[in-house]
Each structure stands twice: as structure tokens, then as C-alpha cells.
């Protein structure tokens, strides 16, 4: 007979659900934005660049919590498409600052619309007080894990 302590607990099921939600958001966002031709990672890169123009590649990698090589390859694709440009950091031949192009800025209203539609779908049926409590709960969980 199997040890009952190895079966998934209610806490396991809660954590599994917490892990499934981001995957479902990513899938839905990718479905909505496929026709625009921007990946979720590219959208996130542009969002960071619009907030802080001229970020270094290493800063982007840290912000996105991705490997530098992954970010580099994504930036290569974005540069080929004319969405970003790399500018040398004065005084450091090895460092580049990343800037969004006007072409990237032109895509953002449509991307914003799709992101908002995804969020509306995700949060449908939740009252403002439920959303506030949910945010507080997630903030507490994140704080607990940061230590």
C-alpha cells in the first residue's frame, strides 16, 4: 500500500495552480499577439526599454530573469526586424545600450490593446475588492519567498 503522505496535498494543489496561471497567461498572450509578430519576451524587452530607454543588455537580462545569451539572441532578432538598435557605451567598447526604434513604438498601441484584452479576460468576474485582496495575498507570498 502506498504511503498516503506522498499524495498531493491541498497545499500541493494550490502551488500547482499558482504555477499553471502564468503558463495560461503566456499561452493566451502568445495566441493574441501572434499576428503582430512579437514574442512575449520581445514585448517585455520593449516594455522595459520604454520605461528606461538605453538599458544595458545585462540590465535587461537581470530584469527579465533570463540568461544573457537568451536576451542577446532575442535582441539580435529584434534588431534584424528594426525594433531596437544597439549603441556603444562611451568608454567601453564591449558594452551596448539598447534603444527602441520608432518602428517598435508604432507597434505598442496594438500590443497594449492585446495585453489589456488578455488581462480583462484573466480577471473577468472579479470585483475590485477581490482584486485588491488577491494582490495583497500575492505580495505577501512573494515577500515570504524573498526572505
C-alpha atoms as a PDB file:
ATOM      1  CA  UNK A   1       0.000   0.000   0.000  1.00  0.00           C
ATOM      2  CA  UNK A   2       1.309   3.426  -0.931  1.00  0.00           C
ATOM      3  CA  UNK A   3       2.243   5.876   1.774  1.00  0.00           C
ATOM      4  CA  UNK A   4      -0.590   8.463   1.909  1.00  0.00           C
ATOM      5  CA  UNK A   5       1.901  11.208   2.806  1.00  0.00           C
ATOM      6  CA  UNK A   6       3.239  11.154  -0.769  1.00  0.00           C
ATOM      7  CA  UNK A   7      -0.102  12.009  -2.370  1.00  0.00           C
ATOM      8  CA  UNK A   8      -0.657  15.629  -3.385  1.00  0.00           C
ATOM      9  CA  UNK A   9      -1.911  17.733  -0.507  1.00  0.00           C
ATOM     10  CA  UNK A  10      -4.181  20.771  -0.702  1.00  0.00           C
ATOM     11  CA  UNK A  11      -1.040  22.908  -0.487  1.00  0.00           C
ATOM     12  CA  UNK A  12       0.477  20.992  -3.414  1.00  0.00           C
ATOM     13  CA  UNK A  13      -2.659  21.605  -5.432  1.00  0.00           C
ATOM     14  CA  UNK A  14      -2.576  25.324  -4.594  1.00  0.00           C
ATOM     15  CA  UNK A  15       1.061  25.613  -5.694  1.00  0.00           C
ATOM     16  CA  UNK A  16       0.319  23.642  -8.875  1.00  0.00           C
ATOM     17  CA  UNK A  17      -2.467  26.138  -9.625  1.00  0.00           C
ATOM     18  CA  UNK A  18      -0.127  29.072  -8.914  1.00  0.00           C
ATOM     19  CA  UNK A  19       2.308  27.577 -11.441  1.00  0.00           C
ATOM     20  CA  UNK A  20      -0.407  26.946 -14.045  1.00  0.00           C
ATOM     21  CA  UNK A  21      -1.739  30.517 -14.090  1.00  0.00           C
ATOM     22  CA  UNK A  22       1.428  32.137 -15.540  1.00  0.00           C
ATOM     23  CA  UNK A  23       1.628  29.400 -18.188  1.00  0.00           C
ATOM     24  CA  UNK A  24      -2.002  30.038 -19.150  1.00  0.00           C
ATOM     25  CA  UNK A  25      -1.379  33.796 -19.314  1.00  0.00           C
ATOM     26  CA  UNK A  26       1.657  33.249 -21.549  1.00  0.00           C
ATOM     27  CA  UNK A  27      -0.283  30.925 -23.864  1.00  0.00           C
ATOM     28  CA  UNK A  28      -3.207  33.331 -24.179  1.00  0.00           C
ATOM     29  CA  UNK A  29      -0.936  36.339 -24.717  1.00  0.00           C
ATOM     30  CA  UNK A  30       1.033  34.467 -27.386  1.00  0.00           C
ATOM     31  CA  UNK A  31      -2.210  33.498 -29.144  1.00  0.00           C
ATOM     32  CA  UNK A  32      -3.403  37.103 -29.151  1.00  0.00           C
ATOM     33  CA  UNK A  33      -0.133  38.614 -30.360  1.00  0.00           C
ATOM     34  CA  UNK A  34       0.985  36.003 -32.894  1.00  0.00           C
ATOM     35  CA  UNK A  35      -0.354  38.075 -35.797  1.00  0.00           C
ATOM     36  CA  UNK A  36       1.687  41.090 -34.643  1.00  0.00           C
ATOM     37  CA  UNK A  37       4.844  39.016 -34.692  1.00  0.00           C
ATOM     38  CA  UNK A  38       6.220  39.925 -31.266  1.00  0.00           C
ATOM     39  CA  UNK A  39       7.038  37.254 -28.757  1.00  0.00           C
ATOM     40  CA  UNK A  40       6.223  37.740 -25.100  1.00  0.00           C
ATOM     41  CA  UNK A  41       9.929  38.199 -24.358  1.00  0.00           C
ATOM     42  CA  UNK A  42      10.191  40.868 -27.060  1.00  0.00           C
ATOM     43  CA  UNK A  43       7.138  42.632 -25.627  1.00  0.00           C
ATOM     44  CA  UNK A  44       8.693  42.556 -22.164  1.00  0.00           C
ATOM     45  CA  UNK A  45      12.004  43.901 -23.502  1.00  0.00           C
ATOM     46  CA  UNK A  46      10.214  46.788 -25.179  1.00  0.00           C
ATOM     47  CA  UNK A  47       8.200  47.485 -22.037  1.00  0.00           C
ATOM     48  CA  UNK A  48      11.435  47.805 -20.045  1.00  0.00           C
ATOM     49  CA  UNK A  49      13.026  49.972 -22.741  1.00  0.00           C
ATOM     50  CA  UNK A  50      10.037  52.307 -22.840  1.00  0.00           C
ATOM     51  CA  UNK A  51      10.299  52.674 -19.083  1.00  0.00           C
ATOM     52  CA  UNK A  52      14.085  53.091 -19.101  1.00  0.00           C
ATOM     53  CA  UNK A  53      15.488  53.871 -22.532  1.00  0.00           C
ATOM     54  CA  UNK A  54      19.089  52.827 -23.111  1.00  0.00           C
ATOM     55  CA  UNK A  55      19.313  49.899 -20.714  1.00  0.00           C
ATOM     56  CA  UNK A  56      22.393  47.726 -20.905  1.00  0.00           C
ATOM     57  CA  UNK A  57      21.909  44.168 -22.122  1.00  0.00           C
ATOM     58  CA  UNK A  58      22.967  42.780 -18.727  1.00  0.00           C
ATOM     59  CA  UNK A  59      20.380  45.007 -17.004  1.00  0.00           C
ATOM     60  CA  UNK A  60      17.680  43.693 -19.310  1.00  0.00           C
ATOM     61  CA  UNK A  61      18.695  40.094 -18.607  1.00  0.00           C
ATOM     62  CA  UNK A  62      18.512  40.692 -14.841  1.00  0.00           C
ATOM     63  CA  UNK A  63      15.165  42.482 -15.115  1.00  0.00           C
ATOM     64  CA  UNK A  64      13.700  39.709 -17.255  1.00  0.00           C
ATOM     65  CA  UNK A  65      15.331  36.976 -15.159  1.00  0.00           C
ATOM     66  CA  UNK A  66      16.721  35.407 -18.328  1.00  0.00           C
ATOM     67  CA  UNK A  67      20.180  34.279 -19.334  1.00  0.00           C
ATOM     68  CA  UNK A  68      22.253  36.941 -21.050  1.00  0.00           C
ATOM     69  CA  UNK A  69      22.654  34.729 -24.132  1.00  0.00           C
ATOM     70  CA  UNK A  70      18.865  34.336 -24.444  1.00  0.00           C
ATOM     71  CA  UNK A  71      18.440  38.098 -24.270  1.00  0.00           C
ATOM     72  CA  UNK A  72      21.261  38.585 -26.769  1.00  0.00           C
ATOM     73  CA  UNK A  73      19.645  36.243 -29.296  1.00  0.00           C
ATOM     74  CA  UNK A  74      16.267  37.917 -28.818  1.00  0.00           C
ATOM     75  CA  UNK A  75      17.848  41.340 -29.285  1.00  0.00           C
ATOM     76  CA  UNK A  76      19.524  40.090 -32.473  1.00  0.00           C
ATOM     77  CA  UNK A  77      16.105  39.145 -33.888  1.00  0.00           C
ATOM     78  CA  UNK A  78      14.614  42.439 -32.784  1.00  0.00           C
ATOM     79  CA  UNK A  79      17.465  44.371 -34.379  1.00  0.00           C
ATOM     80  CA  UNK A  80      17.048  42.465 -37.660  1.00  0.00           C
ATOM     81  CA  UNK A  81      13.380  43.438 -37.615  1.00  0.00           C
ATOM     82  CA  UNK A  82      14.239  47.080 -36.906  1.00  0.00           C
ATOM     83  CA  UNK A  83      12.683  47.178 -33.429  1.00  0.00           C
ATOM     84  CA  UNK A  84      15.801  48.046 -31.431  1.00  0.00           C
ATOM     85  CA  UNK A  85      19.191  49.487 -32.007  1.00  0.00           C
ATOM     86  CA  UNK A  86      22.354  48.914 -30.056  1.00  0.00           C
ATOM     87  CA  UNK A  87      24.524  51.910 -29.280  1.00  0.00           C
ATOM     88  CA  UNK A  88      28.036  51.588 -27.908  1.00  0.00           C
ATOM     89  CA  UNK A  89      28.558  52.704 -24.362  1.00  0.00           C
ATOM     90  CA  UNK A  90      31.044  55.586 -24.469  1.00  0.00           C
ATOM     91  CA  UNK A  91      34.348  54.492 -22.980  1.00  0.00           C
ATOM     92  CA  UNK A  92      33.543  50.758 -23.032  1.00  0.00           C
ATOM     93  CA  UNK A  93      33.855  49.025 -26.410  1.00  0.00           C
ATOM     94  CA  UNK A  94      32.274  45.831 -25.064  1.00  0.00           C
ATOM     95  CA  UNK A  95      29.082  47.390 -23.706  1.00  0.00           C
ATOM     96  CA  UNK A  96      25.978  48.391 -25.595  1.00  0.00           C
ATOM     97  CA  UNK A  97      22.929  50.399 -24.651  1.00  0.00           C
ATOM     98  CA  UNK A  98      19.654  49.180 -26.128  1.00  0.00           C
ATOM     99  CA  UNK A  99      17.129  51.621 -27.599  1.00  0.00           C
ATOM    100  CA  UNK A 100      13.665  51.057 -29.052  1.00  0.00           C
ATOM    101  CA  UNK A 101      13.130  52.346 -32.567  1.00  0.00           C
ATOM    102  CA  UNK A 102      10.157  54.304 -33.919  1.00  0.00           C
ATOM    103  CA  UNK A 103       9.030  51.050 -35.584  1.00  0.00           C
ATOM    104  CA  UNK A 104       8.779  49.417 -32.148  1.00  0.00           C
ATOM    105  CA  UNK A 105       6.892  52.380 -30.735  1.00  0.00           C
ATOM    106  CA  UNK A 106       4.404  52.094 -33.608  1.00  0.00           C
ATOM    107  CA  UNK A 107       3.556  48.511 -32.526  1.00  0.00           C
ATOM    108  CA  UNK A 108       2.908  49.393 -28.922  1.00  0.00           C
ATOM    109  CA  UNK A 109      -0.695  50.629 -29.136  1.00  0.00           C
ATOM    110  CA  UNK A 110      -1.723  47.312 -30.694  1.00  0.00           C
ATOM    111  CA  UNK A 111       0.344  45.342 -28.168  1.00  0.00           C
ATOM    112  CA  UNK A 112      -1.169  47.387 -25.332  1.00  0.00           C
ATOM    113  CA  UNK A 113      -4.643  46.583 -26.642  1.00  0.00           C
ATOM    114  CA  UNK A 114      -3.900  42.850 -26.741  1.00  0.00           C
ATOM    115  CA  UNK A 115      -2.302  42.887 -23.292  1.00  0.00           C
ATOM    116  CA  UNK A 116      -5.307  44.719 -21.858  1.00  0.00           C
ATOM    117  CA  UNK A 117      -7.687  42.241 -23.512  1.00  0.00           C
ATOM    118  CA  UNK A 118      -5.712  39.351 -22.022  1.00  0.00           C
ATOM    119  CA  UNK A 119      -5.811  40.933 -18.567  1.00  0.00           C
ATOM    120  CA  UNK A 120      -9.544  41.632 -18.850  1.00  0.00           C
ATOM    121  CA  UNK A 121     -10.172  38.019 -19.794  1.00  0.00           C
ATOM    122  CA  UNK A 122      -7.979  36.798 -16.960  1.00  0.00           C
ATOM    123  CA  UNK A 123      -9.630  38.995 -14.319  1.00  0.00           C
ATOM    124  CA  UNK A 124     -13.237  38.731 -15.555  1.00  0.00           C
ATOM    125  CA  UNK A 125     -15.775  38.315 -12.789  1.00  0.00           C
ATOM    126  CA  UNK A 126     -13.506  39.561 -10.008  1.00  0.00           C
ATOM    127  CA  UNK A 127     -14.714  42.564  -8.032  1.00  0.00           C
ATOM    128  CA  UNK A 128     -12.279  45.376  -7.181  1.00  0.00           C
ATOM    129  CA  UNK A 129     -12.108  44.299  -3.534  1.00  0.00           C
ATOM    130  CA  UNK A 130     -11.306  40.722  -4.601  1.00  0.00           C
ATOM    131  CA  UNK A 131      -8.528  42.003  -6.867  1.00  0.00           C
ATOM    132  CA  UNK A 132      -7.103  44.127  -4.055  1.00  0.00           C
ATOM    133  CA  UNK A 133      -7.113  41.147  -1.675  1.00  0.00           C
ATOM    134  CA  UNK A 134      -5.589  38.918  -4.346  1.00  0.00           C
ATOM    135  CA  UNK A 135      -2.812  41.428  -4.937  1.00  0.00           C
ATOM    136  CA  UNK A 136      -2.161  41.654  -1.194  1.00  0.00           C
ATOM    137  CA  UNK A 137      -2.022  37.869  -0.945  1.00  0.00           C
ATOM    138  CA  UNK A 138       0.416  37.521  -3.846  1.00  0.00           C
ATOM    139  CA  UNK A 139       2.552  40.347  -2.435  1.00  0.00           C
ATOM    140  CA  UNK A 140       2.729  38.545   0.908  1.00  0.00           C
ATOM    141  CA  UNK A 141       3.641  35.244  -0.741  1.00  0.00           C
ATOM    142  CA  UNK A 142       6.364  36.926  -2.811  1.00  0.00           C
ATOM    143  CA  UNK A 143       7.695  38.642   0.310  1.00  0.00           C
ATOM    144  CA  UNK A 144       7.778  35.350   2.204  1.00  0.00           C
ATOM    145  CA  UNK A 145       9.871  33.802  -0.553  1.00  0.00           C
ATOM    146  CA  UNK A 146      12.294  36.714  -0.716  1.00  0.00           C
ATOM    147  CA  UNK A 147      13.122  36.113   2.928  1.00  0.00           C
END
